[in-house]
Each structure stands twice: as structure tokens, then as C-alpha cells.
Amino acid sequence: MWHSRNALHWSNTPWNPDEINIRASSMLHDWATANRIDLVQHTKTQTRQWWSPPPQGSFKCNIATHSFLVEGLTGIGICIRDHQGAFVRAHSTTIKGCLEPHVSKAFALLHAINWTHNQNLEDIIFETDCNRIPSYFSNHHSVDITEFGCLLDQCKPIMVNPLNSHVSFSPRFTNIVAHKLAKAAIENANHCDFFHIPNCIIYDILNDMS
């Protein structure tokens, strides 16, 4: 309509009403199509990627850490689930000091391996959201004399005992359960084993199973 007004005002060329309707409908269609594409793209980017279960007959052990800067502590959260996503058991603890993120996650892995070994569990996929850890295990010739490397070197001989176990990477947003346990670690005793689903992760466990 604005274009038809300008055409009449500046060039004394009136538009046919049918032409106005056709042009308006075309512009409305283009606008709706563009906005629909934007909505679809936005929805895709917002789609949550869910936790994935391990193969049948095996377990998945998710591991995460959380730094309590004021208290000078690092929380560790560990959660084990089976191939159906069902909760098996969980563990949380705190250690003194706020370590660098990759070092704290290496320490958490060592703690998780020792803990699952004491639980007599085998065939475990240990998942961490620190990509450097699986890379270290996959490179058999890697040498790292830092605290990070020394911690992971301690993991290797213990990994032989939980048969068919290995370490893999999991993005943080699929590792929510372990992160919530790590964040809640400061509220529990120094070492806390859970044989029933803790309240802080009930929703996430059930959501991942649905």
C-alpha cells in the first residue's frame, strides 16, 4: 500500500487494487517464510542433546567436578547407570584445594576408578567432559610429567582390573547428573555413597530414561 501511494504521488501512476493485493500477499508470504526458517533454526540450536546409555551388559560412569572457591574445596560427583539408563549407584566427595579444571578432573577420574574397583564393577565406560583425558589414554606414547599426567598414569594400571573399561569424552550438557552431584558434595559428608537416587538428580535421571 505504501508503494502504491508513492507511485500515485510521485509519478501519477495508480495501481490496480488486484495488483496491490497480489503484491501484499507475496510480501506477507516471504515474511512468514523467512520467520519460519529462523524459528526452525533457533529450535534446532536449542534442542538438548541427551545422555546416551552404554551397550547392553555394561555400565556408564559419569564424572564431574565443581570448585568451591570460598571454601577452598573441590567437589567430585560420580554416577553409574546401566544400559537402560537406570540408576545403579552414585558417589560424591570433596577434596581440599581448588585445582586447575583439567587437574581436578584427572583426580576425579582416578577417584572414580578406585571407587568402582572397590564396588566390584566391570565393563565400565568412564565419561568425563575434559577432552584432554581420553586423548591422553588413546596416545600410548604420551609423556606428561605434570600433575595432570602423573594422575592419569596412576589410572592406567587400575584400569586393567575393571575388565573392558575405557574412558570417553562427554560434553558438559550431557554430563549434568555428575555436575549436580559434584555441586551438592559440599552439603554431604566427606564421602557419600548413594544406593538410591539422590533428590538433586531424580528429575534428570527420569528425564534421560524417558
N, C-alpha and C. Protein backbone atom coordinates (compact mmCIF):
# COMPACT_ATOMS: atom_id res chain seq x y z
N MET A 1 0.83 -1.20 0.00
CA MET A 1 0.00 0.00 0.00
C MET A 1 0.87 1.26 0.00
N TRP A 2 1.96 1.23 0.73
CA TRP A 2 2.86 2.38 0.77
C TRP A 2 3.48 2.64 -0.60
N HIS A 3 3.87 1.51 -1.29
CA HIS A 3 4.43 1.65 -2.63
C HIS A 3 3.40 2.23 -3.60
N SER A 4 2.13 1.79 -3.49
CA SER A 4 1.09 2.30 -4.40
C SER A 4 0.84 3.78 -4.15
N ARG A 5 0.90 4.21 -2.88
CA ARG A 5 0.72 5.63 -2.56
C ARG A 5 1.84 6.46 -3.18
N ASN A 6 3.10 5.95 -3.05
CA ASN A 6 4.23 6.69 -3.62
C ASN A 6 4.14 6.77 -5.14
N ALA A 7 3.70 5.66 -5.76
CA ALA A 7 3.57 5.66 -7.22
C ALA A 7 2.55 6.68 -7.67
N LEU A 8 1.45 6.80 -6.92
CA LEU A 8 0.41 7.77 -7.27
C LEU A 8 0.88 9.19 -7.02
N HIS A 9 1.61 9.38 -5.91
CA HIS A 9 2.03 10.72 -5.52
C HIS A 9 3.14 11.26 -6.42
N TRP A 10 4.14 10.42 -6.74
CA TRP A 10 5.32 10.90 -7.44
C TRP A 10 5.23 10.76 -8.96
N SER A 11 4.54 9.74 -9.44
CA SER A 11 4.51 9.55 -10.90
C SER A 11 3.09 9.54 -11.47
N ASN A 12 2.12 9.81 -10.58
CA ASN A 12 0.72 9.86 -11.01
C ASN A 12 0.31 8.57 -11.72
N THR A 13 0.82 7.43 -11.16
CA THR A 13 0.52 6.13 -11.75
C THR A 13 -0.22 5.28 -10.72
N PRO A 14 -1.53 5.26 -10.78
CA PRO A 14 -2.28 4.47 -9.78
C PRO A 14 -2.13 2.97 -10.04
N TRP A 15 -2.07 2.20 -8.96
CA TRP A 15 -2.01 0.74 -9.08
C TRP A 15 -3.41 0.16 -9.06
N ASN A 16 -3.56 -0.93 -9.79
CA ASN A 16 -4.82 -1.66 -9.78
C ASN A 16 -5.00 -2.33 -8.41
N PRO A 17 -6.20 -2.29 -7.80
CA PRO A 17 -6.41 -2.93 -6.49
C PRO A 17 -6.00 -4.39 -6.45
N ASP A 18 -6.24 -5.11 -7.56
CA ASP A 18 -5.84 -6.53 -7.60
C ASP A 18 -4.33 -6.67 -7.52
N GLU A 19 -3.61 -5.74 -8.18
CA GLU A 19 -2.15 -5.78 -8.14
C GLU A 19 -1.64 -5.51 -6.73
N ILE A 20 -2.31 -4.58 -6.03
CA ILE A 20 -1.93 -4.29 -4.64
C ILE A 20 -2.10 -5.54 -3.77
N ASN A 21 -3.22 -6.24 -3.95
CA ASN A 21 -3.48 -7.46 -3.16
C ASN A 21 -2.43 -8.53 -3.44
N ILE A 22 -2.09 -8.69 -4.74
CA ILE A 22 -1.12 -9.72 -5.11
C ILE A 22 0.25 -9.42 -4.50
N ARG A 23 0.68 -8.14 -4.61
CA ARG A 23 1.99 -7.76 -4.07
C ARG A 23 2.01 -7.89 -2.55
N ALA A 24 0.92 -7.48 -1.90
CA ALA A 24 0.85 -7.58 -0.44
C ALA A 24 0.89 -9.03 0.01
N SER A 25 0.17 -9.90 -0.69
CA SER A 25 0.15 -11.33 -0.34
C SER A 25 1.53 -11.94 -0.53
N SER A 26 2.22 -11.53 -1.62
CA SER A 26 3.56 -12.05 -1.89
C SER A 26 4.54 -11.64 -0.80
N MET A 27 4.48 -10.37 -0.40
CA MET A 27 5.38 -9.88 0.65
C MET A 27 5.08 -10.55 1.98
N LEU A 28 3.79 -10.77 2.28
CA LEU A 28 3.42 -11.45 3.52
C LEU A 28 3.93 -12.88 3.54
N HIS A 29 3.82 -13.55 2.37
CA HIS A 29 4.32 -14.93 2.26
C HIS A 29 5.83 -14.99 2.49
N ASP A 30 6.56 -14.04 1.86
CA ASP A 30 8.02 -14.00 2.02
C ASP A 30 8.40 -13.76 3.48
N TRP A 31 7.68 -12.86 4.13
CA TRP A 31 7.97 -12.55 5.54
C TRP A 31 7.73 -13.78 6.43
N ALA A 32 6.59 -14.46 6.19
CA ALA A 32 6.25 -15.64 7.00
C ALA A 32 7.26 -16.76 6.79
N THR A 33 7.69 -16.95 5.53
CA THR A 33 8.67 -18.00 5.23
C THR A 33 10.00 -17.72 5.93
N ALA A 34 10.45 -16.47 5.86
CA ALA A 34 11.73 -16.10 6.49
C ALA A 34 11.68 -16.32 7.99
N ASN A 35 10.56 -15.93 8.61
CA ASN A 35 10.45 -16.09 10.06
C ASN A 35 10.30 -17.54 10.47
N ARG A 36 9.66 -18.35 9.61
CA ARG A 36 9.53 -19.77 9.92
C ARG A 36 10.89 -20.45 9.87
N ILE A 37 11.74 -20.09 8.91
CA ILE A 37 13.09 -20.65 8.81
C ILE A 37 13.91 -20.28 10.04
N ASP A 38 13.80 -18.99 10.46
CA ASP A 38 14.53 -18.55 11.65
C ASP A 38 14.09 -19.32 12.88
N LEU A 39 12.78 -19.59 12.98
CA LEU A 39 12.25 -20.31 14.13
C LEU A 39 12.75 -21.75 14.15
N VAL A 40 12.78 -22.40 12.98
CA VAL A 40 13.27 -23.78 12.90
C VAL A 40 14.73 -23.85 13.27
N GLN A 41 15.54 -22.91 12.74
CA GLN A 41 16.97 -22.90 13.05
C GLN A 41 17.20 -22.64 14.53
N HIS A 42 16.42 -21.73 15.12
CA HIS A 42 16.55 -21.43 16.55
C HIS A 42 16.19 -22.66 17.38
N THR A 43 15.12 -23.37 16.96
CA THR A 43 14.70 -24.56 17.68
C THR A 43 15.76 -25.64 17.64
N LYS A 44 16.41 -25.79 16.48
CA LYS A 44 17.46 -26.80 16.34
C LYS A 44 18.63 -26.51 17.25
N THR A 45 19.00 -25.22 17.35
CA THR A 45 20.14 -24.88 18.20
C THR A 45 19.80 -25.05 19.66
N GLN A 46 18.49 -24.95 20.00
CA GLN A 46 18.10 -25.06 21.40
C GLN A 46 17.81 -26.50 21.82
N THR A 47 17.79 -27.46 20.86
CA THR A 47 17.47 -28.84 21.18
C THR A 47 18.55 -29.44 22.06
N ARG A 48 18.13 -29.99 23.17
CA ARG A 48 19.09 -30.56 24.10
C ARG A 48 19.59 -31.91 23.59
N GLN A 49 20.87 -32.14 23.73
CA GLN A 49 21.45 -33.44 23.41
C GLN A 49 21.45 -34.27 24.69
N TRP A 50 20.81 -35.42 24.64
CA TRP A 50 20.60 -36.21 25.83
C TRP A 50 21.78 -37.12 26.13
N TRP A 51 21.85 -37.52 27.39
CA TRP A 51 22.80 -38.54 27.82
C TRP A 51 22.49 -39.83 27.07
N SER A 52 23.51 -40.54 26.62
CA SER A 52 23.29 -41.78 25.88
C SER A 52 23.71 -42.98 26.73
N PRO A 53 22.90 -44.03 26.76
CA PRO A 53 23.21 -45.21 27.58
C PRO A 53 24.35 -46.04 26.98
N PRO A 54 25.00 -46.85 27.81
CA PRO A 54 26.08 -47.72 27.31
C PRO A 54 25.48 -48.96 26.64
N PRO A 55 26.31 -49.77 25.99
CA PRO A 55 25.81 -51.02 25.40
C PRO A 55 25.24 -51.95 26.48
N GLN A 56 24.36 -52.84 26.05
CA GLN A 56 23.73 -53.76 27.00
C GLN A 56 24.78 -54.60 27.73
N GLY A 57 24.58 -54.75 29.03
CA GLY A 57 25.50 -55.54 29.84
C GLY A 57 26.66 -54.75 30.40
N SER A 58 26.74 -53.45 30.07
CA SER A 58 27.83 -52.62 30.59
C SER A 58 27.25 -51.45 31.38
N PHE A 59 28.15 -50.67 31.97
CA PHE A 59 27.75 -49.52 32.78
C PHE A 59 28.42 -48.26 32.24
N LYS A 60 27.80 -47.14 32.53
CA LYS A 60 28.43 -45.86 32.22
C LYS A 60 28.59 -45.08 33.52
N CYS A 61 29.81 -44.60 33.73
CA CYS A 61 30.14 -43.86 34.94
C CYS A 61 30.49 -42.43 34.55
N ASN A 62 29.59 -41.50 34.85
CA ASN A 62 29.83 -40.09 34.55
C ASN A 62 30.53 -39.41 35.73
N ILE A 63 31.50 -38.57 35.40
CA ILE A 63 32.35 -37.94 36.41
C ILE A 63 32.40 -36.44 36.16
N ALA A 64 32.32 -35.66 37.24
CA ALA A 64 32.42 -34.20 37.11
C ALA A 64 32.99 -33.61 38.40
N THR A 65 33.42 -32.36 38.29
CA THR A 65 33.96 -31.65 39.46
C THR A 65 33.33 -30.27 39.56
N HIS A 66 33.42 -29.70 40.75
CA HIS A 66 32.93 -28.33 40.97
C HIS A 66 33.84 -27.65 41.98
N SER A 67 34.27 -26.43 41.67
CA SER A 67 35.17 -25.70 42.57
C SER A 67 34.37 -24.82 43.53
N PHE A 68 34.65 -24.98 44.82
CA PHE A 68 34.07 -24.12 45.85
C PHE A 68 35.18 -23.14 46.27
N LEU A 69 35.23 -22.00 45.60
CA LEU A 69 36.34 -21.07 45.77
C LEU A 69 36.41 -20.50 47.18
N VAL A 70 35.26 -20.16 47.74
CA VAL A 70 35.24 -19.56 49.08
C VAL A 70 35.73 -20.57 50.12
N GLU A 71 35.27 -21.81 50.01
CA GLU A 71 35.63 -22.84 50.98
C GLU A 71 37.00 -23.45 50.69
N GLY A 72 37.53 -23.21 49.49
CA GLY A 72 38.82 -23.79 49.13
C GLY A 72 38.74 -25.30 48.95
N LEU A 73 37.64 -25.76 48.35
CA LEU A 73 37.42 -27.20 48.15
C LEU A 73 37.05 -27.48 46.70
N THR A 74 37.22 -28.73 46.31
CA THR A 74 36.75 -29.20 45.01
C THR A 74 35.80 -30.36 45.23
N GLY A 75 34.60 -30.26 44.68
CA GLY A 75 33.62 -31.33 44.80
C GLY A 75 33.73 -32.30 43.64
N ILE A 76 33.54 -33.58 43.93
CA ILE A 76 33.57 -34.62 42.90
C ILE A 76 32.22 -35.34 42.90
N GLY A 77 31.65 -35.49 41.71
CA GLY A 77 30.39 -36.20 41.56
C GLY A 77 30.55 -37.37 40.60
N ILE A 78 30.04 -38.53 41.00
CA ILE A 78 30.17 -39.75 40.19
C ILE A 78 28.80 -40.44 40.15
N CYS A 79 28.36 -40.82 38.97
CA CYS A 79 27.07 -41.52 38.85
C CYS A 79 27.19 -42.67 37.86
N ILE A 80 26.70 -43.84 38.27
CA ILE A 80 26.74 -45.03 37.41
C ILE A 80 25.32 -45.40 37.01
N ARG A 81 25.14 -45.64 35.71
CA ARG A 81 23.84 -46.09 35.19
C ARG A 81 24.05 -47.27 34.24
N ASP A 82 23.00 -48.05 34.05
CA ASP A 82 23.11 -49.22 33.18
C ASP A 82 22.64 -48.91 31.77
N HIS A 83 22.51 -49.96 30.94
CA HIS A 83 22.19 -49.76 29.52
C HIS A 83 20.77 -49.25 29.30
N GLN A 84 19.93 -49.32 30.32
CA GLN A 84 18.57 -48.79 30.22
C GLN A 84 18.47 -47.37 30.80
N GLY A 85 19.60 -46.87 31.29
CA GLY A 85 19.60 -45.55 31.90
C GLY A 85 19.21 -45.58 33.36
N ALA A 86 18.98 -46.78 33.90
CA ALA A 86 18.56 -46.90 35.29
C ALA A 86 19.72 -46.60 36.24
N PHE A 87 19.41 -45.92 37.31
CA PHE A 87 20.40 -45.58 38.33
C PHE A 87 20.93 -46.85 38.99
N VAL A 88 22.25 -46.95 39.12
CA VAL A 88 22.88 -48.08 39.80
C VAL A 88 23.41 -47.64 41.16
N ARG A 89 24.26 -46.65 41.17
CA ARG A 89 24.73 -46.04 42.41
C ARG A 89 25.50 -44.77 42.08
N ALA A 90 25.75 -43.97 43.11
CA ALA A 90 26.45 -42.70 42.91
C ALA A 90 27.34 -42.42 44.11
N HIS A 91 28.20 -41.44 43.94
CA HIS A 91 29.17 -41.12 44.98
C HIS A 91 29.53 -39.64 44.86
N SER A 92 29.73 -39.01 45.99
CA SER A 92 30.22 -37.63 45.99
C SER A 92 31.20 -37.44 47.13
N THR A 93 32.13 -36.54 46.93
CA THR A 93 33.13 -36.25 47.95
C THR A 93 33.73 -34.89 47.68
N THR A 94 34.48 -34.38 48.62
CA THR A 94 35.22 -33.14 48.43
C THR A 94 36.69 -33.38 48.76
N ILE A 95 37.55 -32.63 48.09
CA ILE A 95 38.98 -32.67 48.40
C ILE A 95 39.45 -31.25 48.67
N LYS A 96 40.48 -31.12 49.45
CA LYS A 96 40.99 -29.79 49.80
C LYS A 96 41.71 -29.17 48.61
N GLY A 97 41.47 -27.88 48.43
CA GLY A 97 42.14 -27.14 47.37
C GLY A 97 41.25 -26.96 46.14
N CYS A 98 41.48 -25.87 45.43
CA CYS A 98 40.80 -25.61 44.15
C CYS A 98 41.83 -25.80 43.04
N LEU A 99 41.79 -26.96 42.42
CA LEU A 99 42.77 -27.32 41.41
C LEU A 99 42.38 -26.73 40.05
N GLU A 100 43.35 -26.72 39.15
CA GLU A 100 43.03 -26.34 37.77
C GLU A 100 42.00 -27.34 37.23
N PRO A 101 41.08 -26.88 36.37
CA PRO A 101 39.98 -27.75 35.93
C PRO A 101 40.44 -29.10 35.39
N HIS A 102 41.44 -29.13 34.50
CA HIS A 102 41.85 -30.41 33.92
C HIS A 102 42.53 -31.31 34.96
N VAL A 103 43.20 -30.70 35.94
CA VAL A 103 43.84 -31.49 37.00
C VAL A 103 42.78 -32.07 37.93
N SER A 104 41.78 -31.26 38.29
CA SER A 104 40.72 -31.75 39.18
C SER A 104 39.94 -32.89 38.52
N LYS A 105 39.74 -32.81 37.20
CA LYS A 105 39.01 -33.87 36.50
C LYS A 105 39.85 -35.14 36.39
N ALA A 106 41.17 -34.99 36.28
CA ALA A 106 42.05 -36.16 36.28
C ALA A 106 42.02 -36.83 37.65
N PHE A 107 42.03 -36.02 38.71
CA PHE A 107 41.94 -36.55 40.07
C PHE A 107 40.60 -37.26 40.27
N ALA A 108 39.52 -36.66 39.73
CA ALA A 108 38.19 -37.25 39.86
C ALA A 108 38.12 -38.60 39.15
N LEU A 109 38.77 -38.71 37.99
CA LEU A 109 38.78 -39.98 37.27
C LEU A 109 39.50 -41.05 38.10
N LEU A 110 40.65 -40.70 38.65
CA LEU A 110 41.39 -41.65 39.49
C LEU A 110 40.53 -42.08 40.68
N HIS A 111 39.85 -41.13 41.28
CA HIS A 111 38.98 -41.44 42.42
C HIS A 111 37.84 -42.36 41.99
N ALA A 112 37.26 -42.09 40.81
CA ALA A 112 36.14 -42.90 40.31
C ALA A 112 36.58 -44.33 39.99
N ILE A 113 37.76 -44.46 39.39
CA ILE A 113 38.26 -45.80 39.06
C ILE A 113 38.50 -46.62 40.32
N ASN A 114 39.11 -45.99 41.32
CA ASN A 114 39.33 -46.69 42.60
C ASN A 114 38.01 -47.06 43.26
N TRP A 115 37.06 -46.14 43.21
CA TRP A 115 35.76 -46.39 43.85
C TRP A 115 35.01 -47.53 43.17
N THR A 116 34.95 -47.52 41.83
CA THR A 116 34.24 -48.59 41.12
C THR A 116 34.96 -49.93 41.28
N HIS A 117 36.29 -49.88 41.39
CA HIS A 117 37.05 -51.11 41.63
C HIS A 117 36.65 -51.72 42.98
N ASN A 118 36.47 -50.88 43.98
CA ASN A 118 36.04 -51.36 45.30
C ASN A 118 34.59 -51.84 45.28
N GLN A 119 33.81 -51.38 44.30
CA GLN A 119 32.42 -51.82 44.18
C GLN A 119 32.30 -53.11 43.37
N ASN A 120 33.45 -53.63 42.90
CA ASN A 120 33.49 -54.88 42.11
C ASN A 120 32.66 -54.78 40.83
N LEU A 121 32.72 -53.61 40.18
CA LEU A 121 32.00 -53.42 38.92
C LEU A 121 32.97 -53.55 37.75
N GLU A 122 32.50 -54.15 36.67
CA GLU A 122 33.33 -54.32 35.47
C GLU A 122 32.59 -53.79 34.25
N ASP A 123 33.33 -53.73 33.14
CA ASP A 123 32.76 -53.28 31.87
C ASP A 123 32.14 -51.89 32.02
N ILE A 124 32.98 -50.91 32.32
CA ILE A 124 32.52 -49.56 32.62
C ILE A 124 33.08 -48.57 31.60
N ILE A 125 32.22 -47.69 31.12
CA ILE A 125 32.65 -46.56 30.31
C ILE A 125 32.72 -45.35 31.24
N PHE A 126 33.91 -44.85 31.47
CA PHE A 126 34.09 -43.66 32.30
C PHE A 126 33.98 -42.43 31.40
N GLU A 127 33.00 -41.59 31.68
CA GLU A 127 32.79 -40.39 30.85
C GLU A 127 33.18 -39.13 31.62
N THR A 128 33.99 -38.31 30.97
CA THR A 128 34.42 -37.03 31.53
C THR A 128 34.24 -35.94 30.49
N ASP A 129 34.01 -34.71 30.94
CA ASP A 129 33.86 -33.61 29.98
C ASP A 129 35.18 -32.86 29.77
N CYS A 130 36.28 -33.51 30.12
CA CYS A 130 37.61 -32.97 29.82
C CYS A 130 38.19 -33.76 28.65
N ASN A 131 38.24 -33.15 27.48
CA ASN A 131 38.65 -33.86 26.27
C ASN A 131 40.11 -34.29 26.31
N ARG A 132 40.91 -33.65 27.14
CA ARG A 132 42.33 -33.99 27.22
C ARG A 132 42.56 -35.37 27.82
N ILE A 133 41.61 -35.83 28.64
CA ILE A 133 41.80 -37.11 29.33
C ILE A 133 41.70 -38.30 28.38
N PRO A 134 40.62 -38.46 27.59
CA PRO A 134 40.60 -39.57 26.63
C PRO A 134 41.74 -39.51 25.63
N SER A 135 42.13 -38.28 25.24
CA SER A 135 43.24 -38.13 24.29
C SER A 135 44.53 -38.68 24.88
N TYR A 136 44.72 -38.46 26.18
CA TYR A 136 45.93 -38.95 26.85
C TYR A 136 45.97 -40.48 26.84
N PHE A 137 44.81 -41.10 27.06
CA PHE A 137 44.76 -42.56 27.09
C PHE A 137 44.92 -43.16 25.70
N SER A 138 44.42 -42.47 24.68
CA SER A 138 44.50 -43.01 23.32
C SER A 138 45.91 -42.89 22.74
N ASN A 139 46.70 -41.95 23.26
CA ASN A 139 48.08 -41.80 22.81
C ASN A 139 49.00 -42.58 23.75
N HIS A 140 49.35 -43.79 23.35
CA HIS A 140 50.12 -44.68 24.23
C HIS A 140 51.56 -44.21 24.42
N HIS A 141 52.01 -43.28 23.59
CA HIS A 141 53.39 -42.81 23.70
C HIS A 141 53.48 -41.45 24.38
N SER A 142 52.34 -40.97 24.90
CA SER A 142 52.34 -39.65 25.52
C SER A 142 53.11 -39.67 26.84
N VAL A 143 53.88 -38.61 27.06
CA VAL A 143 54.63 -38.46 28.30
C VAL A 143 54.30 -37.09 28.87
N ASP A 144 53.81 -37.07 30.09
CA ASP A 144 53.43 -35.82 30.74
C ASP A 144 53.86 -35.91 32.20
N ILE A 145 54.85 -35.11 32.57
CA ILE A 145 55.39 -35.19 33.93
C ILE A 145 54.71 -34.18 34.86
N THR A 146 53.67 -33.50 34.36
CA THR A 146 52.93 -32.58 35.21
C THR A 146 52.01 -33.38 36.14
N GLU A 147 51.36 -32.68 37.06
CA GLU A 147 50.43 -33.35 37.98
C GLU A 147 49.31 -34.04 37.21
N PHE A 148 48.87 -33.42 36.13
CA PHE A 148 47.82 -33.99 35.28
C PHE A 148 48.25 -35.36 34.74
N GLY A 149 49.44 -35.41 34.14
CA GLY A 149 49.92 -36.67 33.58
C GLY A 149 50.19 -37.72 34.63
N CYS A 150 50.72 -37.30 35.77
CA CYS A 150 51.02 -38.26 36.85
C CYS A 150 49.74 -38.90 37.38
N LEU A 151 48.67 -38.11 37.49
CA LEU A 151 47.39 -38.66 37.96
C LEU A 151 46.84 -39.68 36.97
N LEU A 152 46.92 -39.36 35.68
CA LEU A 152 46.39 -40.29 34.68
C LEU A 152 47.25 -41.54 34.56
N ASP A 153 48.56 -41.39 34.78
CA ASP A 153 49.43 -42.58 34.77
C ASP A 153 49.07 -43.53 35.90
N GLN A 154 48.59 -42.98 37.01
CA GLN A 154 48.15 -43.83 38.12
C GLN A 154 46.86 -44.58 37.77
N CYS A 155 46.08 -44.02 36.84
CA CYS A 155 44.82 -44.66 36.45
C CYS A 155 45.05 -45.91 35.60
N LYS A 156 46.10 -45.88 34.78
CA LYS A 156 46.30 -46.93 33.78
C LYS A 156 46.38 -48.34 34.36
N PRO A 157 47.21 -48.60 35.38
CA PRO A 157 47.26 -49.97 35.90
C PRO A 157 45.97 -50.43 36.57
N ILE A 158 45.22 -49.47 37.15
CA ILE A 158 43.96 -49.84 37.81
C ILE A 158 42.90 -50.15 36.76
N MET A 159 43.00 -49.50 35.59
CA MET A 159 42.01 -49.71 34.53
C MET A 159 42.02 -51.15 34.03
N VAL A 160 43.09 -51.87 34.27
CA VAL A 160 43.18 -53.26 33.82
C VAL A 160 42.21 -54.13 34.61
N ASN A 161 41.97 -53.78 35.88
CA ASN A 161 41.14 -54.62 36.74
C ASN A 161 39.64 -54.52 36.42
N PRO A 162 39.05 -53.31 36.25
CA PRO A 162 37.67 -53.30 35.77
C PRO A 162 37.67 -53.71 34.30
N LEU A 163 37.44 -54.99 34.01
CA LEU A 163 37.60 -55.52 32.66
C LEU A 163 36.75 -54.76 31.65
N ASN A 164 37.30 -54.62 30.44
CA ASN A 164 36.61 -53.99 29.31
C ASN A 164 36.21 -52.54 29.60
N SER A 165 36.96 -51.87 30.45
CA SER A 165 36.64 -50.49 30.79
C SER A 165 37.51 -49.53 29.98
N HIS A 166 36.95 -48.36 29.68
CA HIS A 166 37.72 -47.35 28.97
C HIS A 166 37.16 -45.96 29.30
N VAL A 167 37.86 -44.94 28.82
CA VAL A 167 37.50 -43.55 29.10
C VAL A 167 37.04 -42.88 27.82
N SER A 168 35.95 -42.11 27.89
CA SER A 168 35.46 -41.39 26.72
C SER A 168 35.07 -39.97 27.12
N PHE A 169 34.88 -39.14 26.09
CA PHE A 169 34.53 -37.74 26.31
C PHE A 169 33.02 -37.55 26.26
N SER A 170 32.52 -36.69 27.13
CA SER A 170 31.10 -36.34 27.14
C SER A 170 30.98 -34.84 27.32
N PRO A 171 30.27 -34.13 26.43
CA PRO A 171 30.08 -32.68 26.62
C PRO A 171 29.40 -32.39 27.95
N ARG A 172 29.67 -31.22 28.47
CA ARG A 172 29.14 -30.86 29.79
C ARG A 172 27.62 -30.98 29.85
N PHE A 173 26.92 -30.59 28.76
CA PHE A 173 25.46 -30.58 28.82
C PHE A 173 24.86 -31.98 28.80
N THR A 174 25.65 -33.02 28.54
CA THR A 174 25.15 -34.39 28.69
C THR A 174 25.69 -35.03 29.97
N ASN A 175 26.42 -34.22 30.74
CA ASN A 175 27.04 -34.71 31.97
C ASN A 175 26.44 -34.00 33.19
N ILE A 176 25.19 -33.55 33.05
CA ILE A 176 24.53 -32.74 34.06
C ILE A 176 24.42 -33.46 35.41
N VAL A 177 24.09 -34.75 35.37
CA VAL A 177 23.88 -35.50 36.61
C VAL A 177 25.12 -35.48 37.49
N ALA A 178 26.27 -35.77 36.90
CA ALA A 178 27.52 -35.78 37.67
C ALA A 178 27.85 -34.38 38.18
N HIS A 179 27.56 -33.35 37.39
CA HIS A 179 27.84 -31.98 37.82
C HIS A 179 26.97 -31.59 39.01
N LYS A 180 25.71 -32.02 39.01
CA LYS A 180 24.84 -31.70 40.14
C LYS A 180 25.31 -32.41 41.41
N LEU A 181 25.79 -33.63 41.26
CA LEU A 181 26.33 -34.35 42.42
C LEU A 181 27.58 -33.66 42.95
N ALA A 182 28.44 -33.20 42.04
CA ALA A 182 29.66 -32.51 42.46
C ALA A 182 29.32 -31.20 43.18
N LYS A 183 28.31 -30.51 42.68
CA LYS A 183 27.91 -29.24 43.28
C LYS A 183 27.27 -29.44 44.65
N ALA A 184 26.60 -30.59 44.83
CA ALA A 184 25.94 -30.89 46.10
C ALA A 184 26.88 -31.56 47.09
N ALA A 185 28.10 -31.86 46.66
CA ALA A 185 29.04 -32.61 47.52
C ALA A 185 29.33 -31.89 48.82
N ILE A 186 29.33 -30.57 48.79
CA ILE A 186 29.67 -29.80 49.99
C ILE A 186 28.59 -29.92 51.06
N GLU A 187 27.38 -30.33 50.67
CA GLU A 187 26.28 -30.46 51.62
C GLU A 187 26.29 -31.81 52.32
N ASN A 188 27.07 -32.76 51.81
CA ASN A 188 27.07 -34.11 52.35
C ASN A 188 28.31 -34.36 53.21
N ALA A 189 28.39 -35.57 53.72
CA ALA A 189 29.57 -35.96 54.49
C ALA A 189 30.77 -36.00 53.55
N ASN A 190 31.96 -36.18 54.11
CA ASN A 190 33.18 -36.15 53.33
C ASN A 190 33.13 -37.13 52.16
N HIS A 191 32.69 -38.36 52.42
CA HIS A 191 32.48 -39.35 51.37
C HIS A 191 31.05 -39.86 51.50
N CYS A 192 30.30 -39.79 50.43
CA CYS A 192 28.90 -40.20 50.50
C CYS A 192 28.57 -41.13 49.34
N ASP A 193 28.15 -42.35 49.66
CA ASP A 193 27.70 -43.31 48.65
C ASP A 193 26.17 -43.31 48.61
N PHE A 194 25.63 -43.33 47.40
CA PHE A 194 24.18 -43.33 47.22
C PHE A 194 23.76 -44.63 46.53
N PHE A 195 22.87 -45.37 47.18
CA PHE A 195 22.34 -46.59 46.58
C PHE A 195 20.89 -46.39 46.13
N HIS A 196 20.37 -45.21 46.40
CA HIS A 196 19.08 -44.77 45.88
C HIS A 196 19.30 -43.40 45.26
N ILE A 197 18.45 -43.03 44.31
CA ILE A 197 18.67 -41.78 43.57
C ILE A 197 18.60 -40.58 44.51
N PRO A 198 19.66 -39.77 44.58
CA PRO A 198 19.62 -38.55 45.39
C PRO A 198 18.59 -37.57 44.84
N ASN A 199 18.00 -36.79 45.72
CA ASN A 199 16.96 -35.86 45.31
C ASN A 199 17.43 -34.87 44.24
N CYS A 200 18.70 -34.49 44.29
CA CYS A 200 19.18 -33.45 43.38
C CYS A 200 19.25 -33.90 41.92
N ILE A 201 19.16 -35.23 41.67
CA ILE A 201 19.27 -35.70 40.28
C ILE A 201 18.09 -36.56 39.84
N ILE A 202 17.05 -36.66 40.67
CA ILE A 202 15.90 -37.51 40.31
C ILE A 202 15.31 -37.10 38.97
N TYR A 203 15.05 -35.80 38.81
CA TYR A 203 14.43 -35.31 37.57
C TYR A 203 15.28 -35.66 36.36
N ASP A 204 16.60 -35.46 36.46
CA ASP A 204 17.48 -35.69 35.31
C ASP A 204 17.56 -37.17 34.96
N ILE A 205 17.62 -38.03 35.97
CA ILE A 205 17.66 -39.48 35.71
C ILE A 205 16.40 -39.92 34.99
N LEU A 206 15.24 -39.52 35.51
CA LEU A 206 13.97 -39.91 34.90
C LEU A 206 13.81 -39.30 33.51
N ASN A 207 14.29 -38.08 33.35
CA ASN A 207 14.19 -37.40 32.06
C ASN A 207 15.03 -38.11 31.01
N ASP A 208 16.22 -38.57 31.38
CA ASP A 208 17.09 -39.27 30.44
C ASP A 208 16.53 -40.65 30.08
N MET A 209 15.71 -41.22 30.96
CA MET A 209 15.13 -42.54 30.70
C MET A 209 13.88 -42.46 29.84
N SER A 210 13.27 -41.27 29.76
CA SER A 210 12.00 -41.13 29.03
C SER A 210 12.23 -41.06 27.52
